[in-house]
């Protein structure tokens, strides 16, 4: 990381940390927005592991207002699928809150399907480490939309 990139990262982290400590968890929307902005900055700086974590946190926090926490396995599944989505994108990030909400909803829907399939299965499922299994589950993410938007920008 260059000195300039490191400076920007530290500045974004300091601003986000301050805003989160001021909020004291009282406003999930503001907390989520802070994580989202931090994730965008990290993504642009090429700090993908940290960016992915911040994006995942942002959209998990945004969903807590309407959905109860579903536990550790849900969180692991969400993190794996969010990673798959972001790494599949050309720009390695999420551009808008609306895009992130849509991806979160797709992941949530697939999680519900997986849970239903496990409940209806006649074969007991006894995996010890769920991460490899979560990585094998595919969601049809709309990666092509990024390419369509890029084409539209070049026509202007």
N, C-alpha and C. Protein backbone atom coordinates (compact mmCIF):
# COMPACT_ATOMS: atom_id res chain seq x y z
N UNK A 1 0.85 -1.16 0.00
CA UNK A 1 0.00 0.00 0.00
C UNK A 1 0.90 1.23 0.00
N UNK A 2 0.55 2.20 -0.82
CA UNK A 2 1.33 3.42 -0.88
C UNK A 2 1.08 4.27 0.37
N UNK A 3 1.93 5.26 0.57
CA UNK A 3 1.76 6.15 1.73
C UNK A 3 0.43 6.91 1.65
N UNK A 4 0.10 7.32 0.44
CA UNK A 4 -1.16 8.06 0.24
C UNK A 4 -2.36 7.16 0.53
N UNK A 5 -2.30 5.93 0.05
CA UNK A 5 -3.39 4.99 0.30
C UNK A 5 -3.50 4.68 1.79
N UNK A 6 -2.37 4.51 2.45
CA UNK A 6 -2.38 4.24 3.89
C UNK A 6 -2.98 5.42 4.65
N UNK A 7 -2.64 6.64 4.22
CA UNK A 7 -3.20 7.83 4.85
C UNK A 7 -4.72 7.86 4.70
N UNK A 8 -5.20 7.61 3.49
CA UNK A 8 -6.65 7.62 3.24
C UNK A 8 -7.36 6.55 4.07
N UNK A 9 -6.75 5.38 4.13
CA UNK A 9 -7.33 4.30 4.92
C UNK A 9 -7.44 4.70 6.38
N UNK A 10 -6.35 5.22 6.93
CA UNK A 10 -6.34 5.61 8.34
C UNK A 10 -7.36 6.72 8.61
N UNK A 11 -7.48 7.65 7.67
CA UNK A 11 -8.45 8.74 7.82
C UNK A 11 -9.88 8.19 7.80
N UNK A 12 -10.19 7.33 6.85
CA UNK A 12 -11.53 6.73 6.76
C UNK A 12 -11.83 5.90 8.00
N UNK A 13 -10.85 5.15 8.47
CA UNK A 13 -11.04 4.33 9.66
C UNK A 13 -11.29 5.20 10.88
N UNK A 14 -10.54 6.29 11.02
CA UNK A 14 -10.71 7.18 12.16
C UNK A 14 -12.09 7.84 12.15
N UNK A 15 -12.53 8.30 10.99
CA UNK A 15 -13.85 8.93 10.88
C UNK A 15 -14.94 7.91 11.22
N UNK A 16 -14.83 6.74 10.65
CA UNK A 16 -15.84 5.70 10.88
C UNK A 16 -15.85 5.29 12.35
N UNK A 17 -14.70 5.09 12.94
CA UNK A 17 -14.61 4.70 14.34
C UNK A 17 -15.23 5.76 15.23
N UNK A 18 -14.95 7.02 14.95
CA UNK A 18 -15.51 8.12 15.74
C UNK A 18 -17.03 8.14 15.63
N UNK A 19 -17.53 8.02 14.42
CA UNK A 19 -18.99 8.05 14.23
C UNK A 19 -19.66 6.86 14.92
N UNK A 20 -19.03 5.70 14.84
CA UNK A 20 -19.61 4.53 15.50
C UNK A 20 -19.59 4.67 17.01
N UNK A 21 -18.53 5.23 17.55
CA UNK A 21 -18.46 5.38 19.01
C UNK A 21 -19.44 6.46 19.48
N UNK A 22 -19.66 7.50 18.67
CA UNK A 22 -20.64 8.53 19.02
C UNK A 22 -22.06 7.96 18.99
N UNK A 23 -22.32 7.08 18.03
CA UNK A 23 -23.66 6.50 17.90
C UNK A 23 -23.95 5.52 19.01
N UNK A 24 -22.95 4.87 19.54
CA UNK A 24 -23.08 3.89 20.60
C UNK A 24 -24.16 2.85 20.27
N UNK A 25 -24.23 2.49 18.99
CA UNK A 25 -25.17 1.46 18.57
C UNK A 25 -26.61 1.91 18.54
N UNK A 26 -26.86 3.21 18.76
CA UNK A 26 -28.23 3.70 18.82
C UNK A 26 -28.91 3.81 17.47
N UNK A 27 -28.15 3.97 16.42
CA UNK A 27 -28.73 4.14 15.09
C UNK A 27 -28.10 3.15 14.13
N UNK A 28 -28.74 2.01 13.93
CA UNK A 28 -28.16 0.99 13.04
C UNK A 28 -27.96 1.47 11.62
N UNK A 29 -28.84 2.35 11.14
CA UNK A 29 -28.70 2.86 9.77
C UNK A 29 -27.40 3.65 9.63
N UNK A 30 -27.10 4.50 10.61
CA UNK A 30 -25.87 5.28 10.57
C UNK A 30 -24.65 4.37 10.71
N UNK A 31 -24.74 3.37 11.58
CA UNK A 31 -23.63 2.43 11.75
C UNK A 31 -23.39 1.67 10.45
N UNK A 32 -24.46 1.22 9.83
CA UNK A 32 -24.34 0.49 8.57
C UNK A 32 -23.74 1.38 7.49
N UNK A 33 -24.17 2.62 7.45
CA UNK A 33 -23.63 3.55 6.46
C UNK A 33 -22.14 3.78 6.68
N UNK A 34 -21.73 3.85 7.93
CA UNK A 34 -20.29 3.99 8.24
C UNK A 34 -19.51 2.79 7.73
N UNK A 35 -20.01 1.59 8.02
CA UNK A 35 -19.33 0.39 7.55
C UNK A 35 -19.29 0.35 6.02
N UNK A 36 -20.38 0.76 5.38
CA UNK A 36 -20.42 0.76 3.92
C UNK A 36 -19.37 1.72 3.35
N UNK A 37 -19.31 2.92 3.88
CA UNK A 37 -18.34 3.90 3.39
C UNK A 37 -16.91 3.42 3.62
N UNK A 38 -16.67 2.83 4.77
CA UNK A 38 -15.35 2.28 5.06
C UNK A 38 -15.03 1.17 4.06
N UNK A 39 -15.99 0.32 3.78
CA UNK A 39 -15.79 -0.78 2.84
C UNK A 39 -15.46 -0.26 1.45
N UNK A 40 -16.15 0.78 1.01
CA UNK A 40 -15.87 1.37 -0.31
C UNK A 40 -14.44 1.88 -0.34
N UNK A 41 -14.04 2.58 0.71
CA UNK A 41 -12.66 3.09 0.76
C UNK A 41 -11.65 1.95 0.74
N UNK A 42 -11.89 0.93 1.53
CA UNK A 42 -10.98 -0.21 1.58
C UNK A 42 -10.90 -0.92 0.23
N UNK A 43 -12.04 -1.07 -0.41
CA UNK A 43 -12.08 -1.72 -1.71
C UNK A 43 -11.26 -0.95 -2.73
N UNK A 44 -11.42 0.36 -2.74
CA UNK A 44 -10.67 1.21 -3.68
C UNK A 44 -9.17 1.17 -3.40
N UNK A 45 -8.81 0.92 -2.15
CA UNK A 45 -7.40 0.84 -1.78
C UNK A 45 -6.82 -0.56 -2.01
N UNK A 46 -7.68 -1.49 -2.44
CA UNK A 46 -7.21 -2.84 -2.71
C UNK A 46 -7.10 -3.71 -1.47
N UNK A 47 -7.69 -3.28 -0.39
CA UNK A 47 -7.67 -4.06 0.86
C UNK A 47 -8.92 -4.95 0.89
N UNK A 48 -8.93 -5.96 0.02
CA UNK A 48 -10.13 -6.76 -0.19
C UNK A 48 -10.63 -7.52 1.03
N UNK A 49 -9.78 -8.22 1.79
CA UNK A 49 -10.34 -8.94 2.95
C UNK A 49 -11.06 -8.01 3.93
N UNK A 50 -10.46 -6.86 4.20
CA UNK A 50 -11.08 -5.91 5.11
C UNK A 50 -12.33 -5.29 4.50
N UNK A 51 -12.28 -5.00 3.20
CA UNK A 51 -13.44 -4.43 2.51
C UNK A 51 -14.62 -5.40 2.53
N UNK A 52 -14.35 -6.65 2.24
CA UNK A 52 -15.42 -7.65 2.21
C UNK A 52 -16.06 -7.77 3.58
N UNK A 53 -15.25 -7.78 4.61
CA UNK A 53 -15.77 -7.88 5.98
C UNK A 53 -16.63 -6.67 6.31
N UNK A 54 -16.17 -5.49 5.93
CA UNK A 54 -16.93 -4.26 6.20
C UNK A 54 -18.24 -4.24 5.40
N UNK A 55 -18.21 -4.67 4.14
CA UNK A 55 -19.44 -4.75 3.35
C UNK A 55 -20.42 -5.72 4.00
N UNK A 56 -19.94 -6.87 4.39
CA UNK A 56 -20.80 -7.87 5.02
C UNK A 56 -21.41 -7.32 6.31
N UNK A 57 -20.60 -6.67 7.12
CA UNK A 57 -21.10 -6.06 8.36
C UNK A 57 -22.17 -5.01 8.07
N UNK A 58 -21.92 -4.18 7.07
CA UNK A 58 -22.86 -3.11 6.74
C UNK A 58 -24.24 -3.67 6.42
N UNK A 59 -24.28 -4.71 5.60
CA UNK A 59 -25.60 -5.20 5.17
C UNK A 59 -26.24 -6.13 6.20
N UNK A 60 -25.45 -6.72 7.06
CA UNK A 60 -26.03 -7.47 8.18
C UNK A 60 -26.68 -6.48 9.16
N UNK A 61 -26.01 -5.37 9.43
CA UNK A 61 -26.57 -4.36 10.34
C UNK A 61 -27.84 -3.76 9.74
N UNK A 62 -27.81 -3.46 8.44
CA UNK A 62 -29.01 -2.90 7.79
C UNK A 62 -30.20 -3.83 7.91
N UNK A 63 -29.94 -5.12 7.88
CA UNK A 63 -31.06 -6.08 7.90
C UNK A 63 -31.60 -6.32 9.31
N UNK A 64 -30.83 -5.99 10.34
CA UNK A 64 -31.27 -6.27 11.71
C UNK A 64 -32.54 -5.52 12.08
N UNK A 65 -32.82 -4.41 11.41
CA UNK A 65 -34.03 -3.65 11.69
C UNK A 65 -35.28 -4.43 11.29
N UNK A 66 -35.17 -5.28 10.28
CA UNK A 66 -36.34 -6.01 9.78
C UNK A 66 -36.27 -7.52 10.01
N UNK A 67 -35.07 -8.03 10.31
CA UNK A 67 -34.91 -9.48 10.48
C UNK A 67 -34.14 -9.76 11.76
N UNK A 68 -34.59 -10.73 12.52
CA UNK A 68 -33.84 -11.08 13.73
C UNK A 68 -32.52 -11.76 13.36
N UNK A 69 -31.57 -11.69 14.27
CA UNK A 69 -30.30 -12.38 14.07
C UNK A 69 -30.56 -13.88 13.98
N UNK A 70 -29.97 -14.52 12.99
CA UNK A 70 -30.25 -15.94 12.76
C UNK A 70 -29.11 -16.85 13.19
N UNK A 71 -28.14 -16.31 13.87
CA UNK A 71 -27.10 -17.15 14.43
C UNK A 71 -25.81 -17.19 13.63
N UNK A 72 -24.88 -17.98 14.17
CA UNK A 72 -23.52 -18.06 13.63
C UNK A 72 -23.50 -18.67 12.23
N UNK A 73 -24.26 -19.71 12.00
CA UNK A 73 -24.24 -20.35 10.67
C UNK A 73 -24.76 -19.40 9.59
N UNK A 74 -25.78 -18.66 9.90
CA UNK A 74 -26.29 -17.66 8.95
C UNK A 74 -25.20 -16.64 8.65
N UNK A 75 -24.53 -16.18 9.67
CA UNK A 75 -23.46 -15.18 9.49
C UNK A 75 -22.35 -15.75 8.61
N UNK A 76 -21.95 -16.99 8.87
CA UNK A 76 -20.90 -17.62 8.07
C UNK A 76 -21.34 -17.76 6.62
N UNK A 77 -22.56 -18.20 6.41
CA UNK A 77 -23.10 -18.35 5.06
C UNK A 77 -23.11 -16.99 4.35
N UNK A 78 -23.58 -15.98 5.04
CA UNK A 78 -23.64 -14.63 4.47
C UNK A 78 -22.24 -14.15 4.09
N UNK A 79 -21.28 -14.32 4.98
CA UNK A 79 -19.91 -13.88 4.72
C UNK A 79 -19.31 -14.60 3.51
N UNK A 80 -19.53 -15.91 3.42
CA UNK A 80 -19.01 -16.69 2.28
C UNK A 80 -19.64 -16.21 0.98
N UNK A 81 -20.95 -16.06 0.98
CA UNK A 81 -21.63 -15.67 -0.26
C UNK A 81 -21.33 -14.22 -0.64
N UNK A 82 -21.19 -13.34 0.34
CA UNK A 82 -20.82 -11.96 0.04
C UNK A 82 -19.42 -11.92 -0.57
N UNK A 83 -18.53 -12.74 -0.05
CA UNK A 83 -17.17 -12.83 -0.60
C UNK A 83 -17.21 -13.32 -2.04
N UNK A 84 -17.98 -14.35 -2.30
CA UNK A 84 -18.10 -14.88 -3.66
C UNK A 84 -18.62 -13.79 -4.61
N UNK A 85 -19.62 -13.05 -4.16
CA UNK A 85 -20.18 -11.99 -5.00
C UNK A 85 -19.14 -10.91 -5.30
N UNK A 86 -18.51 -10.40 -4.26
CA UNK A 86 -17.56 -9.30 -4.45
C UNK A 86 -16.36 -9.73 -5.29
N UNK A 87 -15.83 -10.91 -5.03
CA UNK A 87 -14.68 -11.37 -5.82
C UNK A 87 -15.04 -11.64 -7.27
N UNK A 88 -16.33 -11.88 -7.54
CA UNK A 88 -16.78 -12.10 -8.91
C UNK A 88 -16.98 -10.82 -9.70
N UNK A 89 -16.94 -9.70 -9.02
CA UNK A 89 -17.14 -8.41 -9.70
C UNK A 89 -15.82 -7.85 -10.19
N UNK A 90 -15.90 -7.13 -11.26
CA UNK A 90 -14.71 -6.52 -11.84
C UNK A 90 -14.11 -5.46 -10.91
N UNK A 91 -14.97 -4.64 -10.29
CA UNK A 91 -14.45 -3.56 -9.44
C UNK A 91 -14.22 -3.99 -7.99
N UNK A 92 -14.54 -5.24 -7.66
CA UNK A 92 -14.30 -5.82 -6.33
C UNK A 92 -14.91 -5.00 -5.20
N UNK A 93 -16.13 -4.54 -5.43
CA UNK A 93 -16.82 -3.80 -4.39
C UNK A 93 -18.30 -3.71 -4.68
N UNK A 94 -19.01 -3.07 -3.78
CA UNK A 94 -20.44 -2.81 -3.93
C UNK A 94 -20.59 -1.32 -4.10
N UNK A 95 -21.27 -0.91 -5.17
CA UNK A 95 -21.32 0.50 -5.52
C UNK A 95 -22.34 1.32 -4.75
N UNK A 96 -23.48 0.70 -4.43
CA UNK A 96 -24.56 1.45 -3.77
C UNK A 96 -25.18 0.61 -2.66
N UNK A 97 -25.87 1.30 -1.77
CA UNK A 97 -26.61 0.59 -0.73
C UNK A 97 -27.70 -0.30 -1.34
N UNK A 98 -28.33 0.18 -2.40
CA UNK A 98 -29.37 -0.60 -3.05
C UNK A 98 -28.81 -1.91 -3.61
N UNK A 99 -27.64 -1.84 -4.22
CA UNK A 99 -26.99 -3.05 -4.74
C UNK A 99 -26.71 -4.02 -3.59
N UNK A 100 -26.16 -3.52 -2.52
CA UNK A 100 -25.86 -4.38 -1.37
C UNK A 100 -27.10 -4.99 -0.75
N UNK A 101 -28.17 -4.19 -0.66
CA UNK A 101 -29.43 -4.72 -0.13
C UNK A 101 -29.96 -5.84 -1.01
N UNK A 102 -29.86 -5.66 -2.33
CA UNK A 102 -30.33 -6.68 -3.26
C UNK A 102 -29.53 -7.97 -3.08
N UNK A 103 -28.22 -7.85 -2.98
CA UNK A 103 -27.37 -9.03 -2.81
C UNK A 103 -27.66 -9.69 -1.47
N UNK A 104 -27.82 -8.89 -0.44
CA UNK A 104 -28.16 -9.44 0.88
C UNK A 104 -29.47 -10.22 0.80
N UNK A 105 -30.46 -9.66 0.10
CA UNK A 105 -31.75 -10.34 -0.04
C UNK A 105 -31.61 -11.65 -0.81
N UNK A 106 -30.79 -11.67 -1.85
CA UNK A 106 -30.55 -12.91 -2.60
C UNK A 106 -29.92 -13.97 -1.70
N UNK A 107 -28.95 -13.55 -0.90
CA UNK A 107 -28.28 -14.47 0.02
C UNK A 107 -29.28 -14.98 1.06
N UNK A 108 -30.09 -14.06 1.60
CA UNK A 108 -31.11 -14.45 2.59
C UNK A 108 -32.09 -15.46 2.00
N UNK A 109 -32.54 -15.22 0.78
CA UNK A 109 -33.49 -16.13 0.13
C UNK A 109 -32.87 -17.51 -0.05
N UNK A 110 -31.62 -17.56 -0.50
CA UNK A 110 -30.95 -18.85 -0.70
C UNK A 110 -30.74 -19.56 0.63
N UNK A 111 -30.42 -18.82 1.70
CA UNK A 111 -30.27 -19.39 3.04
C UNK A 111 -31.58 -20.06 3.48
N UNK A 112 -32.68 -19.38 3.25
CA UNK A 112 -33.98 -19.95 3.62
C UNK A 112 -34.27 -21.22 2.83
N UNK A 113 -33.91 -21.23 1.55
CA UNK A 113 -34.09 -22.44 0.74
C UNK A 113 -33.24 -23.59 1.28
N UNK A 114 -31.99 -23.31 1.61
CA UNK A 114 -31.08 -24.33 2.13
C UNK A 114 -31.63 -24.89 3.45
N UNK A 115 -32.10 -24.01 4.31
CA UNK A 115 -32.64 -24.46 5.59
C UNK A 115 -33.87 -25.34 5.39
N UNK A 116 -34.71 -24.96 4.46
CA UNK A 116 -35.91 -25.76 4.16
C UNK A 116 -35.52 -27.13 3.60
N UNK A 117 -34.54 -27.16 2.71
CA UNK A 117 -34.08 -28.43 2.14
C UNK A 117 -33.50 -29.34 3.21
N UNK A 118 -32.75 -28.79 4.14
CA UNK A 118 -32.19 -29.59 5.23
C UNK A 118 -33.28 -30.15 6.12
N UNK A 119 -34.29 -29.36 6.40
CA UNK A 119 -35.40 -29.82 7.24
C UNK A 119 -36.21 -30.92 6.57
N UNK A 120 -36.35 -30.84 5.25
CA UNK A 120 -37.14 -31.82 4.52
C UNK A 120 -36.35 -33.06 4.11
N UNK A 121 -35.06 -33.05 4.32
CA UNK A 121 -34.22 -34.16 3.91
C UNK A 121 -34.44 -35.38 4.81
N UNK A 122 -34.45 -36.54 4.20
CA UNK A 122 -34.56 -37.77 4.97
C UNK A 122 -33.20 -38.29 5.40
N UNK A 123 -32.16 -37.69 4.85
CA UNK A 123 -30.79 -38.07 5.19
C UNK A 123 -30.25 -37.04 6.17
N UNK A 124 -29.79 -37.47 7.32
CA UNK A 124 -29.26 -36.50 8.29
C UNK A 124 -27.99 -35.83 7.76
N UNK A 125 -27.89 -34.55 8.02
CA UNK A 125 -26.74 -33.76 7.57
C UNK A 125 -25.89 -33.48 8.80
N UNK A 126 -24.65 -33.97 8.78
CA UNK A 126 -23.79 -33.85 9.97
C UNK A 126 -22.41 -33.31 9.60
N UNK A 127 -22.37 -32.15 9.00
CA UNK A 127 -21.08 -31.54 8.66
C UNK A 127 -20.50 -30.87 9.91
N UNK A 128 -19.21 -31.01 10.07
CA UNK A 128 -18.54 -30.36 11.21
C UNK A 128 -18.09 -28.95 10.83
N UNK A 129 -17.45 -28.81 9.68
CA UNK A 129 -17.00 -27.51 9.19
C UNK A 129 -17.89 -27.12 8.02
N UNK A 130 -18.73 -26.12 8.25
CA UNK A 130 -19.73 -25.75 7.25
C UNK A 130 -19.18 -24.86 6.13
N UNK A 131 -18.06 -24.20 6.37
CA UNK A 131 -17.53 -23.25 5.39
C UNK A 131 -17.33 -23.88 4.01
N UNK A 132 -16.66 -25.05 3.90
CA UNK A 132 -16.50 -25.64 2.56
C UNK A 132 -17.85 -25.94 1.89
N UNK A 133 -18.80 -26.37 2.67
CA UNK A 133 -20.12 -26.64 2.11
C UNK A 133 -20.79 -25.34 1.66
N UNK A 134 -20.69 -24.29 2.48
CA UNK A 134 -21.25 -23.00 2.10
C UNK A 134 -20.60 -22.49 0.82
N UNK A 135 -19.31 -22.74 0.63
CA UNK A 135 -18.63 -22.30 -0.58
C UNK A 135 -19.12 -23.04 -1.81
N UNK A 136 -19.66 -24.24 -1.63
CA UNK A 136 -20.14 -25.02 -2.77
C UNK A 136 -21.55 -24.62 -3.20
N UNK A 137 -22.26 -23.89 -2.38
CA UNK A 137 -23.62 -23.46 -2.71
C UNK A 137 -23.55 -22.25 -3.64
N UNK A 138 -24.24 -22.34 -4.74
CA UNK A 138 -24.18 -21.28 -5.75
C UNK A 138 -25.46 -20.44 -5.75
N UNK A 139 -25.26 -19.17 -5.92
CA UNK A 139 -26.35 -18.22 -6.09
C UNK A 139 -26.12 -17.55 -7.44
N UNK A 140 -27.17 -17.37 -8.20
CA UNK A 140 -27.05 -16.70 -9.50
C UNK A 140 -27.00 -15.20 -9.29
N UNK A 141 -25.81 -14.70 -8.95
CA UNK A 141 -25.63 -13.27 -8.73
C UNK A 141 -25.66 -12.53 -10.06
N UNK A 142 -26.17 -11.30 -10.06
CA UNK A 142 -26.27 -10.51 -11.31
C UNK A 142 -24.98 -9.77 -11.65
N UNK A 143 -23.89 -10.53 -11.82
CA UNK A 143 -22.62 -9.90 -12.17
C UNK A 143 -22.68 -9.20 -13.52
N UNK A 144 -23.50 -9.70 -14.43
CA UNK A 144 -23.57 -9.14 -15.76
C UNK A 144 -24.09 -7.71 -15.75
N UNK A 145 -24.83 -7.33 -14.73
CA UNK A 145 -25.38 -5.98 -14.65
C UNK A 145 -24.26 -4.95 -14.62
N UNK A 146 -23.15 -5.28 -13.99
CA UNK A 146 -22.01 -4.36 -13.95
C UNK A 146 -21.50 -4.09 -15.36
N UNK A 147 -21.44 -5.15 -16.17
CA UNK A 147 -20.98 -4.99 -17.54
C UNK A 147 -21.98 -4.15 -18.35
N UNK A 148 -23.28 -4.33 -18.10
CA UNK A 148 -24.28 -3.55 -18.82
C UNK A 148 -24.17 -2.07 -18.46
N UNK A 149 -23.94 -1.76 -17.18
CA UNK A 149 -23.79 -0.36 -16.78
C UNK A 149 -22.55 0.25 -17.40
N UNK A 150 -21.48 -0.53 -17.49
CA UNK A 150 -20.24 -0.04 -18.09
C UNK A 150 -20.46 0.26 -19.57
N UNK A 151 -21.24 -0.56 -20.26
CA UNK A 151 -21.53 -0.31 -21.67
C UNK A 151 -22.33 0.98 -21.83
N UNK A 152 -23.29 1.20 -20.94
CA UNK A 152 -24.11 2.41 -20.99
C UNK A 152 -23.28 3.67 -20.79
N UNK A 153 -22.27 3.58 -19.93
CA UNK A 153 -21.43 4.75 -19.66
C UNK A 153 -20.57 5.10 -20.88
N UNK A 154 -20.15 4.10 -21.63
CA UNK A 154 -19.30 4.37 -22.78
C UNK A 154 -20.06 4.97 -23.95
N UNK A 155 -21.40 4.83 -23.94
CA UNK A 155 -22.21 5.36 -25.03
C UNK A 155 -22.48 6.86 -24.88
N UNK A 156 -22.23 7.41 -23.71
CA UNK A 156 -22.57 8.82 -23.46
C UNK A 156 -21.59 9.75 -24.11
